[in-house]
């Protein structure tokens, strides 16, 4: 009988010590369709906008990089019957107005001039106003007297086309 109890105890111990084969946990694979639908919107990097305006035979090209309101870019006035100009713009955005300094080469000389644009939707409208020379730079005489009613209008354009014209 002792042998029977001893065999029973060994069987119980052996049974309880044996490891159960655990079923592997299935690895979850990301749903590629769901990942494709998620788009990351970069709100911190510079945004590039390109514009072009045509009046008669004259054309204006602009490429603008807006980095949280700080503006840099290139601008070119390609005029048919008078001297053209080409250069860099720098400045800032104040509400819906781009307040820029245009540093350009025209007629063989380098110049600086204030230039403001009103930005509405896909359109830039150049501000027209009286200028005065201050420290070698043309500045608007009064910000309050700038009119956008009759200014050159530029529409959103293909950046590849604008970049080619700005070269």
N, C-alpha and C. Protein backbone atom coordinates (compact mmCIF):
# COMPACT_ATOMS: atom_id res chain seq x y z
N UNK A 1 0.82 -1.17 0.00
CA UNK A 1 0.00 0.00 0.00
C UNK A 1 0.89 1.26 0.00
N UNK A 2 1.94 1.13 0.71
CA UNK A 2 2.85 2.24 0.75
C UNK A 2 3.34 2.55 -0.66
N UNK A 3 3.59 1.55 -1.41
CA UNK A 3 4.05 1.73 -2.77
C UNK A 3 2.97 2.42 -3.60
N UNK A 4 1.76 2.07 -3.37
CA UNK A 4 0.65 2.66 -4.12
C UNK A 4 0.52 4.14 -3.79
N UNK A 5 0.66 4.50 -2.52
CA UNK A 5 0.56 5.91 -2.12
C UNK A 5 1.76 6.67 -2.67
N UNK A 6 2.93 6.04 -2.63
CA UNK A 6 4.12 6.69 -3.13
C UNK A 6 4.00 6.91 -4.64
N UNK A 7 3.48 5.97 -5.38
CA UNK A 7 3.29 6.10 -6.82
C UNK A 7 2.24 7.16 -7.14
N UNK A 8 1.23 7.23 -6.33
CA UNK A 8 0.18 8.24 -6.52
C UNK A 8 0.73 9.63 -6.28
N UNK A 9 1.56 9.78 -5.23
CA UNK A 9 2.15 11.08 -4.92
C UNK A 9 3.09 11.52 -6.03
N UNK A 10 3.89 10.59 -6.56
CA UNK A 10 4.81 10.91 -7.64
C UNK A 10 4.02 11.33 -8.89
N UNK A 11 2.94 10.65 -9.15
CA UNK A 11 2.11 10.98 -10.31
C UNK A 11 1.51 12.36 -10.17
N UNK A 12 1.04 12.70 -8.95
CA UNK A 12 0.45 14.02 -8.71
C UNK A 12 1.52 15.10 -8.88
N UNK A 13 2.71 14.88 -8.31
CA UNK A 13 3.79 15.86 -8.42
C UNK A 13 4.22 16.00 -9.89
N UNK A 14 4.36 14.91 -10.58
CA UNK A 14 4.77 14.94 -11.98
C UNK A 14 3.72 15.67 -12.84
N UNK A 15 2.48 15.42 -12.55
CA UNK A 15 1.40 16.04 -13.31
C UNK A 15 1.37 17.55 -13.06
N UNK A 16 1.57 17.97 -11.81
CA UNK A 16 1.50 19.39 -11.50
C UNK A 16 2.74 20.13 -11.97
N UNK A 17 3.88 19.44 -12.09
CA UNK A 17 5.12 20.09 -12.52
C UNK A 17 5.24 20.19 -14.03
N UNK A 18 4.50 19.40 -14.72
CA UNK A 18 4.63 19.44 -16.18
C UNK A 18 4.13 20.79 -16.69
N UNK A 19 4.90 21.36 -17.61
CA UNK A 19 4.54 22.69 -18.14
C UNK A 19 3.46 22.53 -19.18
N UNK A 20 2.56 23.46 -19.12
CA UNK A 20 1.53 23.49 -20.14
C UNK A 20 2.09 24.25 -21.33
N UNK A 21 1.85 23.76 -22.48
CA UNK A 21 2.29 24.46 -23.69
C UNK A 21 1.36 25.65 -23.89
N UNK A 22 1.95 26.83 -23.77
CA UNK A 22 1.13 28.04 -23.92
C UNK A 22 0.96 28.33 -25.41
N UNK A 23 -0.23 28.69 -25.74
CA UNK A 23 -0.51 29.06 -27.13
C UNK A 23 0.16 30.40 -27.40
N UNK A 24 0.90 30.53 -28.50
CA UNK A 24 1.56 31.81 -28.78
C UNK A 24 0.53 32.91 -29.02
N UNK A 25 0.85 34.07 -28.49
CA UNK A 25 -0.03 35.22 -28.66
C UNK A 25 0.14 35.70 -30.09
N UNK A 26 -0.94 35.80 -30.84
CA UNK A 26 -0.80 36.24 -32.24
C UNK A 26 -0.28 37.67 -32.29
N UNK A 27 0.69 37.88 -33.14
CA UNK A 27 1.28 39.21 -33.29
C UNK A 27 0.37 40.05 -34.17
N UNK A 28 0.03 41.24 -33.67
CA UNK A 28 -0.86 42.11 -34.44
C UNK A 28 -0.05 42.88 -35.47
N UNK A 29 -0.45 42.75 -36.70
CA UNK A 29 0.21 43.48 -37.78
C UNK A 29 -0.61 44.74 -38.04
N UNK A 30 0.08 45.86 -38.25
CA UNK A 30 -0.66 47.09 -38.53
C UNK A 30 -1.44 46.98 -39.82
N UNK A 31 -2.60 47.58 -39.81
CA UNK A 31 -3.46 47.58 -40.98
C UNK A 31 -2.90 48.59 -41.99
N UNK A 32 -2.34 48.09 -43.08
CA UNK A 32 -1.70 48.98 -44.05
C UNK A 32 -2.70 49.93 -44.68
N UNK A 33 -3.93 49.51 -44.83
CA UNK A 33 -4.95 50.40 -45.41
C UNK A 33 -5.24 51.55 -44.46
N UNK A 34 -5.29 51.25 -43.17
CA UNK A 34 -5.55 52.31 -42.18
C UNK A 34 -4.37 53.26 -42.11
N UNK A 35 -3.15 52.71 -42.22
CA UNK A 35 -1.96 53.57 -42.17
C UNK A 35 -1.91 54.49 -43.37
N UNK A 36 -2.33 54.00 -44.53
CA UNK A 36 -2.30 54.81 -45.74
C UNK A 36 -3.27 55.98 -45.63
N UNK A 37 -4.36 55.80 -44.89
CA UNK A 37 -5.36 56.86 -44.76
C UNK A 37 -4.90 57.97 -43.83
N UNK A 38 -4.02 57.64 -42.87
CA UNK A 38 -3.54 58.64 -41.93
C UNK A 38 -2.52 59.53 -42.65
N UNK A 39 -2.75 60.83 -42.63
CA UNK A 39 -1.80 61.75 -43.22
C UNK A 39 -1.28 62.66 -42.12
N UNK A 40 0.00 62.88 -42.16
CA UNK A 40 0.64 63.74 -41.19
C UNK A 40 0.69 65.13 -41.78
N UNK A 41 0.19 66.10 -41.05
CA UNK A 41 0.19 67.48 -41.50
C UNK A 41 1.32 68.21 -40.77
N UNK A 42 2.29 68.69 -41.54
CA UNK A 42 3.41 69.43 -40.98
C UNK A 42 3.00 70.89 -40.86
N UNK A 43 2.78 71.33 -39.64
CA UNK A 43 2.34 72.71 -39.43
C UNK A 43 3.49 73.61 -39.03
N UNK A 44 4.68 73.05 -38.84
CA UNK A 44 5.80 73.84 -38.35
C UNK A 44 6.79 74.24 -39.43
N UNK A 45 6.89 73.48 -40.51
CA UNK A 45 7.87 73.78 -41.54
C UNK A 45 7.41 74.90 -42.46
N UNK A 46 8.34 75.45 -43.24
CA UNK A 46 7.98 76.51 -44.18
C UNK A 46 7.04 76.00 -45.26
N UNK A 47 6.15 76.85 -45.69
CA UNK A 47 5.20 76.54 -46.75
C UNK A 47 5.56 77.40 -47.95
N UNK A 48 5.64 76.79 -49.12
CA UNK A 48 6.00 77.53 -50.33
C UNK A 48 4.74 77.79 -51.15
N UNK A 49 4.60 79.04 -51.56
CA UNK A 49 3.48 79.46 -52.39
C UNK A 49 4.06 80.16 -53.62
N UNK A 50 3.48 79.91 -54.77
CA UNK A 50 3.95 80.52 -56.00
C UNK A 50 2.80 81.28 -56.67
N UNK A 51 3.14 82.44 -57.23
CA UNK A 51 2.14 83.31 -57.84
C UNK A 51 2.67 83.87 -59.16
N UNK A 52 1.72 84.23 -60.02
CA UNK A 52 2.06 84.85 -61.30
C UNK A 52 0.93 85.82 -61.66
N UNK A 53 1.32 86.98 -62.17
CA UNK A 53 0.34 87.95 -62.63
C UNK A 53 0.73 88.49 -63.99
N UNK A 54 -0.24 88.61 -64.88
CA UNK A 54 0.02 89.11 -66.24
C UNK A 54 -0.86 90.32 -66.49
N UNK A 55 -0.22 91.41 -66.92
CA UNK A 55 -0.93 92.61 -67.33
C UNK A 55 -0.38 93.01 -68.68
N UNK A 56 -1.18 92.86 -69.71
CA UNK A 56 -0.70 93.15 -71.07
C UNK A 56 0.44 92.22 -71.42
N UNK A 57 1.61 92.82 -71.70
CA UNK A 57 2.80 92.02 -72.02
C UNK A 57 3.75 91.90 -70.82
N UNK A 58 3.35 92.43 -69.69
CA UNK A 58 4.18 92.39 -68.49
C UNK A 58 3.76 91.23 -67.59
N UNK A 59 4.74 90.59 -66.95
CA UNK A 59 4.46 89.46 -66.08
C UNK A 59 5.23 89.61 -64.77
N UNK A 60 4.59 89.24 -63.68
CA UNK A 60 5.23 89.23 -62.36
C UNK A 60 5.21 87.79 -61.85
N UNK A 61 6.36 87.34 -61.35
CA UNK A 61 6.48 86.00 -60.78
C UNK A 61 6.92 86.13 -59.33
N UNK A 62 6.34 85.33 -58.44
CA UNK A 62 6.71 85.36 -57.02
C UNK A 62 6.73 83.94 -56.46
N UNK A 63 7.78 83.66 -55.70
CA UNK A 63 7.88 82.41 -54.95
C UNK A 63 8.08 82.82 -53.50
N UNK A 64 7.17 82.39 -52.64
CA UNK A 64 7.16 82.84 -51.24
C UNK A 64 7.21 81.65 -50.31
N UNK A 65 8.16 81.69 -49.38
CA UNK A 65 8.24 80.69 -48.32
C UNK A 65 7.77 81.35 -47.03
N UNK A 66 6.68 80.83 -46.47
CA UNK A 66 6.10 81.36 -45.24
C UNK A 66 6.44 80.40 -44.10
N UNK A 67 7.29 80.83 -43.18
CA UNK A 67 7.66 80.02 -42.04
C UNK A 67 7.09 80.67 -40.79
N UNK A 68 5.84 80.33 -40.48
CA UNK A 68 5.12 80.87 -39.32
C UNK A 68 5.10 82.39 -39.30
N UNK A 69 4.88 82.99 -40.48
CA UNK A 69 4.75 84.44 -40.57
C UNK A 69 6.01 85.16 -41.00
N UNK A 70 7.15 84.49 -40.99
CA UNK A 70 8.38 85.08 -41.51
C UNK A 70 8.48 84.70 -42.97
N UNK A 71 8.63 85.71 -43.83
CA UNK A 71 8.56 85.51 -45.27
C UNK A 71 9.94 85.71 -45.90
N UNK A 72 10.31 84.77 -46.77
CA UNK A 72 11.47 84.95 -47.65
C UNK A 72 11.04 84.43 -49.02
N UNK A 73 11.72 84.87 -50.06
CA UNK A 73 11.37 84.38 -51.38
C UNK A 73 12.05 85.14 -52.48
N UNK A 74 11.51 84.98 -53.69
CA UNK A 74 12.05 85.63 -54.88
C UNK A 74 10.90 86.28 -55.64
N UNK A 75 11.24 87.39 -56.30
CA UNK A 75 10.25 88.16 -57.05
C UNK A 75 10.90 88.63 -58.34
N UNK A 76 10.13 88.59 -59.42
CA UNK A 76 10.64 89.07 -60.70
C UNK A 76 9.54 89.81 -61.44
N UNK A 77 9.87 91.02 -61.87
CA UNK A 77 9.00 91.79 -62.75
C UNK A 77 9.61 91.69 -64.15
N UNK A 78 8.92 91.02 -65.07
CA UNK A 78 9.40 90.87 -66.44
C UNK A 78 8.54 91.78 -67.31
N UNK A 79 9.11 92.96 -67.61
CA UNK A 79 8.36 93.98 -68.34
C UNK A 79 8.75 93.98 -69.81
N UNK A 80 7.78 94.23 -70.66
CA UNK A 80 8.01 94.20 -72.11
C UNK A 80 8.64 95.50 -72.61
N UNK A 81 8.20 96.64 -72.11
CA UNK A 81 8.65 97.91 -72.68
C UNK A 81 9.48 98.76 -71.73
N UNK A 82 9.80 98.26 -70.56
CA UNK A 82 10.68 98.99 -69.66
C UNK A 82 11.55 97.98 -68.94
N UNK A 83 12.48 98.48 -68.16
CA UNK A 83 13.43 97.58 -67.50
C UNK A 83 12.73 96.62 -66.56
N UNK A 84 13.21 95.40 -66.58
CA UNK A 84 12.71 94.37 -65.67
C UNK A 84 13.55 94.38 -64.41
N UNK A 85 13.06 93.71 -63.38
CA UNK A 85 13.84 93.59 -62.14
C UNK A 85 13.66 92.18 -61.59
N UNK A 86 14.67 91.79 -60.81
CA UNK A 86 14.66 90.44 -60.25
C UNK A 86 15.45 90.48 -58.95
N UNK A 87 14.89 89.84 -57.90
CA UNK A 87 15.61 89.85 -56.64
C UNK A 87 14.94 89.06 -55.55
N UNK A 88 15.38 89.32 -54.32
CA UNK A 88 14.90 88.60 -53.14
C UNK A 88 13.92 89.45 -52.34
N UNK A 89 12.98 88.76 -51.69
CA UNK A 89 12.05 89.44 -50.79
C UNK A 89 12.20 88.83 -49.40
N UNK A 90 12.11 89.69 -48.41
CA UNK A 90 12.14 89.26 -47.01
C UNK A 90 11.14 90.13 -46.26
N UNK A 91 10.59 89.59 -45.20
CA UNK A 91 9.65 90.38 -44.40
C UNK A 91 8.82 89.50 -43.50
N UNK A 92 7.60 89.95 -43.26
CA UNK A 92 6.72 89.23 -42.35
C UNK A 92 5.27 89.39 -42.78
N UNK A 93 4.44 88.52 -42.21
CA UNK A 93 3.01 88.56 -42.48
C UNK A 93 2.33 89.22 -41.28
N UNK A 94 1.52 90.23 -41.56
CA UNK A 94 0.77 90.93 -40.54
C UNK A 94 -0.70 90.84 -40.92
N UNK A 95 -1.43 89.94 -40.26
CA UNK A 95 -2.83 89.71 -40.64
C UNK A 95 -2.86 89.10 -42.03
N UNK A 96 -3.52 89.78 -42.98
CA UNK A 96 -3.58 89.29 -44.35
C UNK A 96 -2.65 90.06 -45.28
N UNK A 97 -1.69 90.81 -44.69
CA UNK A 97 -0.78 91.63 -45.47
C UNK A 97 0.65 91.11 -45.35
N UNK A 98 1.31 90.95 -46.50
CA UNK A 98 2.72 90.59 -46.53
C UNK A 98 3.50 91.90 -46.63
N UNK A 99 4.26 92.23 -45.60
CA UNK A 99 5.06 93.46 -45.57
C UNK A 99 6.49 93.08 -45.86
N UNK A 100 6.91 93.37 -47.11
CA UNK A 100 8.17 92.84 -47.61
C UNK A 100 9.14 93.94 -48.02
N UNK A 101 10.41 93.59 -48.01
CA UNK A 101 11.45 94.42 -48.59
C UNK A 101 11.95 93.67 -49.82
N UNK A 102 11.94 94.36 -50.94
CA UNK A 102 12.36 93.78 -52.22
C UNK A 102 13.75 94.31 -52.53
N UNK A 103 14.74 93.43 -52.50
CA UNK A 103 16.12 93.78 -52.81
C UNK A 103 16.40 93.22 -54.20
N UNK A 104 16.59 94.11 -55.18
CA UNK A 104 16.62 93.69 -56.58
C UNK A 104 17.69 94.38 -57.39
N UNK A 105 17.94 93.81 -58.55
CA UNK A 105 18.85 94.40 -59.52
C UNK A 105 18.03 94.82 -60.73
N UNK A 106 18.22 96.07 -61.13
CA UNK A 106 17.55 96.61 -62.33
C UNK A 106 18.42 97.72 -62.89
N UNK A 107 18.47 97.82 -64.18
CA UNK A 107 19.25 98.86 -64.85
C UNK A 107 20.70 98.85 -64.39
N UNK A 108 21.22 97.68 -64.05
CA UNK A 108 22.62 97.56 -63.65
C UNK A 108 22.93 98.00 -62.23
N UNK A 109 21.92 98.37 -61.46
CA UNK A 109 22.17 98.79 -60.08
C UNK A 109 21.32 97.96 -59.12
N UNK A 110 21.78 97.91 -57.88
CA UNK A 110 21.03 97.20 -56.84
C UNK A 110 20.23 98.22 -56.05
N UNK A 111 18.99 97.85 -55.73
CA UNK A 111 18.09 98.74 -55.01
C UNK A 111 17.30 97.96 -53.97
N UNK A 112 16.70 98.71 -53.03
CA UNK A 112 15.80 98.14 -52.02
C UNK A 112 14.55 98.97 -52.00
N UNK A 113 13.41 98.26 -51.88
CA UNK A 113 12.14 98.96 -51.85
C UNK A 113 11.13 98.17 -51.02
N UNK A 114 10.30 98.89 -50.29
CA UNK A 114 9.18 98.24 -49.60
C UNK A 114 8.16 97.83 -50.65
N UNK A 115 7.57 96.67 -50.45
CA UNK A 115 6.48 96.22 -51.31
C UNK A 115 5.53 95.40 -50.43
N UNK A 116 4.26 95.78 -50.44
CA UNK A 116 3.27 95.08 -49.64
C UNK A 116 2.28 94.38 -50.57
N UNK A 117 1.83 93.22 -50.13
CA UNK A 117 0.82 92.47 -50.86
C UNK A 117 -0.30 92.11 -49.91
N UNK A 118 -1.52 92.23 -50.37
CA UNK A 118 -2.69 91.77 -49.63
C UNK A 118 -2.94 90.34 -50.10
N UNK A 119 -3.00 89.39 -49.15
CA UNK A 119 -3.18 87.99 -49.49
C UNK A 119 -4.61 87.56 -49.14
N UNK A 120 -5.37 87.24 -50.17
CA UNK A 120 -6.75 86.77 -50.01
C UNK A 120 -6.92 85.50 -50.84
N UNK A 121 -7.13 84.37 -50.16
CA UNK A 121 -7.28 83.11 -50.87
C UNK A 121 -6.05 82.80 -51.70
N UNK A 122 -6.25 82.58 -52.99
CA UNK A 122 -5.16 82.26 -53.91
C UNK A 122 -4.66 83.49 -54.68
N UNK A 123 -4.92 84.68 -54.14
CA UNK A 123 -4.56 85.90 -54.85
C UNK A 123 -3.70 86.82 -53.98
N UNK A 124 -2.68 87.40 -54.60
CA UNK A 124 -1.91 88.48 -53.98
C UNK A 124 -2.21 89.74 -54.76
N UNK A 125 -2.46 90.83 -54.05
CA UNK A 125 -2.69 92.12 -54.70
C UNK A 125 -1.64 93.09 -54.18
N UNK A 126 -0.88 93.67 -55.09
CA UNK A 126 0.20 94.59 -54.72
C UNK A 126 -0.37 95.91 -54.23
N UNK A 127 0.22 96.42 -53.18
CA UNK A 127 -0.19 97.70 -52.63
C UNK A 127 0.43 98.86 -53.42
N UNK A 128 -0.37 99.88 -53.67
CA UNK A 128 0.07 101.08 -54.38
C UNK A 128 0.05 102.24 -53.38
N UNK A 129 1.16 102.96 -53.31
CA UNK A 129 1.22 104.09 -52.40
C UNK A 129 2.43 104.95 -52.69
N UNK A 130 2.42 106.14 -52.13
CA UNK A 130 3.52 107.08 -52.31
C UNK A 130 4.75 106.57 -51.56
N UNK A 131 5.91 106.65 -52.20
CA UNK A 131 7.17 106.21 -51.59
C UNK A 131 8.05 107.40 -51.26
N UNK A 132 8.91 107.19 -50.29
CA UNK A 132 9.95 108.17 -49.95
C UNK A 132 11.25 107.40 -49.77
N UNK A 133 12.38 108.07 -49.98
CA UNK A 133 13.68 107.43 -49.81
C UNK A 133 14.15 107.66 -48.39
N UNK A 134 14.50 106.56 -47.73
CA UNK A 134 14.97 106.63 -46.36
C UNK A 134 16.16 105.69 -46.21
N UNK A 135 17.34 106.25 -45.93
CA UNK A 135 18.57 105.46 -45.80
C UNK A 135 18.84 104.61 -47.05
N UNK A 136 18.62 105.19 -48.22
CA UNK A 136 18.89 104.49 -49.47
C UNK A 136 17.84 103.46 -49.86
N UNK A 137 16.73 103.39 -49.15
CA UNK A 137 15.69 102.42 -49.44
C UNK A 137 14.37 103.15 -49.67
N UNK A 138 13.66 102.71 -50.70
CA UNK A 138 12.34 103.27 -50.97
C UNK A 138 11.35 102.65 -49.99
N UNK A 139 10.68 103.50 -49.22
CA UNK A 139 9.70 103.04 -48.24
C UNK A 139 8.37 103.72 -48.52
N UNK A 140 7.29 103.07 -48.10
CA UNK A 140 5.99 103.72 -48.21
C UNK A 140 5.97 104.94 -47.30
N UNK A 141 5.45 106.05 -47.82
CA UNK A 141 5.37 107.27 -47.04
C UNK A 141 4.42 107.09 -45.86
N UNK A 142 3.31 106.37 -46.08
CA UNK A 142 2.34 106.12 -45.02
C UNK A 142 1.66 104.78 -45.24
N UNK A 143 1.77 103.89 -44.25
CA UNK A 143 1.12 102.58 -44.36
C UNK A 143 -0.39 102.71 -44.50
N UNK A 144 -0.95 103.78 -43.95
CA UNK A 144 -2.41 103.97 -43.96
C UNK A 144 -2.93 104.42 -45.33
N UNK A 145 -2.03 104.91 -46.18
CA UNK A 145 -2.47 105.41 -47.49
C UNK A 145 -2.16 104.44 -48.62
N UNK A 146 -1.90 103.18 -48.28
CA UNK A 146 -1.65 102.18 -49.31
C UNK A 146 -2.99 101.65 -49.81
N UNK A 147 -3.14 101.62 -51.13
CA UNK A 147 -4.38 101.14 -51.74
C UNK A 147 -4.09 99.83 -52.47
N UNK A 148 -4.98 98.88 -52.29
CA UNK A 148 -4.84 97.59 -52.96
C UNK A 148 -5.87 97.44 -54.09
N UNK A 149 -6.68 98.46 -54.28
CA UNK A 149 -7.76 98.43 -55.27
C UNK A 149 -7.23 98.27 -56.69
N UNK A 150 -6.21 99.03 -57.07
CA UNK A 150 -5.71 99.03 -58.44
C UNK A 150 -4.35 98.34 -58.58
N UNK A 151 -3.91 97.64 -57.54
CA UNK A 151 -2.60 97.00 -57.59
C UNK A 151 -2.56 95.77 -58.49
N UNK A 152 -1.37 95.42 -58.91
CA UNK A 152 -1.13 94.23 -59.73
C UNK A 152 -1.66 93.01 -58.98
N UNK A 153 -2.44 92.18 -59.67
CA UNK A 153 -3.00 90.97 -59.06
C UNK A 153 -2.22 89.75 -59.54
N UNK A 154 -1.80 88.93 -58.59
CA UNK A 154 -1.09 87.70 -58.88
C UNK A 154 -1.95 86.53 -58.41
N UNK A 155 -2.04 85.51 -59.25
CA UNK A 155 -2.83 84.31 -58.93
C UNK A 155 -1.88 83.16 -58.60
N UNK A 156 -2.37 82.21 -57.82
CA UNK A 156 -1.58 81.02 -57.51
C UNK A 156 -1.17 80.35 -58.82
N UNK A 157 0.09 79.89 -58.87
CA UNK A 157 0.62 79.30 -60.10
C UNK A 157 1.45 78.07 -59.76
N UNK A 158 1.75 77.30 -60.79
CA UNK A 158 2.58 76.11 -60.67
C UNK A 158 4.00 76.54 -60.28
N UNK A 159 4.51 75.98 -59.18
CA UNK A 159 5.84 76.38 -58.69
C UNK A 159 6.95 76.01 -59.65
N UNK A 160 6.80 74.95 -60.45
CA UNK A 160 7.84 74.60 -61.42
C UNK A 160 7.95 75.68 -62.49
N UNK A 161 6.83 76.19 -62.95
CA UNK A 161 6.81 77.26 -63.94
C UNK A 161 7.41 78.54 -63.36
N UNK A 162 7.04 78.88 -62.15
CA UNK A 162 7.56 80.10 -61.50
C UNK A 162 9.05 79.98 -61.25
N UNK A 163 9.50 78.82 -60.77
CA UNK A 163 10.94 78.62 -60.50
C UNK A 163 11.75 78.79 -61.78
N UNK A 164 11.24 78.30 -62.89
CA UNK A 164 11.93 78.44 -64.18
C UNK A 164 12.04 79.93 -64.56
N UNK A 165 11.00 80.68 -64.33
CA UNK A 165 11.01 82.12 -64.67
C UNK A 165 11.90 82.92 -63.74
N UNK A 166 12.10 82.44 -62.52
CA UNK A 166 12.91 83.16 -61.55
C UNK A 166 14.40 82.90 -61.71
N UNK A 167 14.78 81.95 -62.55
CA UNK A 167 16.21 81.64 -62.74
C UNK A 167 16.90 82.72 -63.50
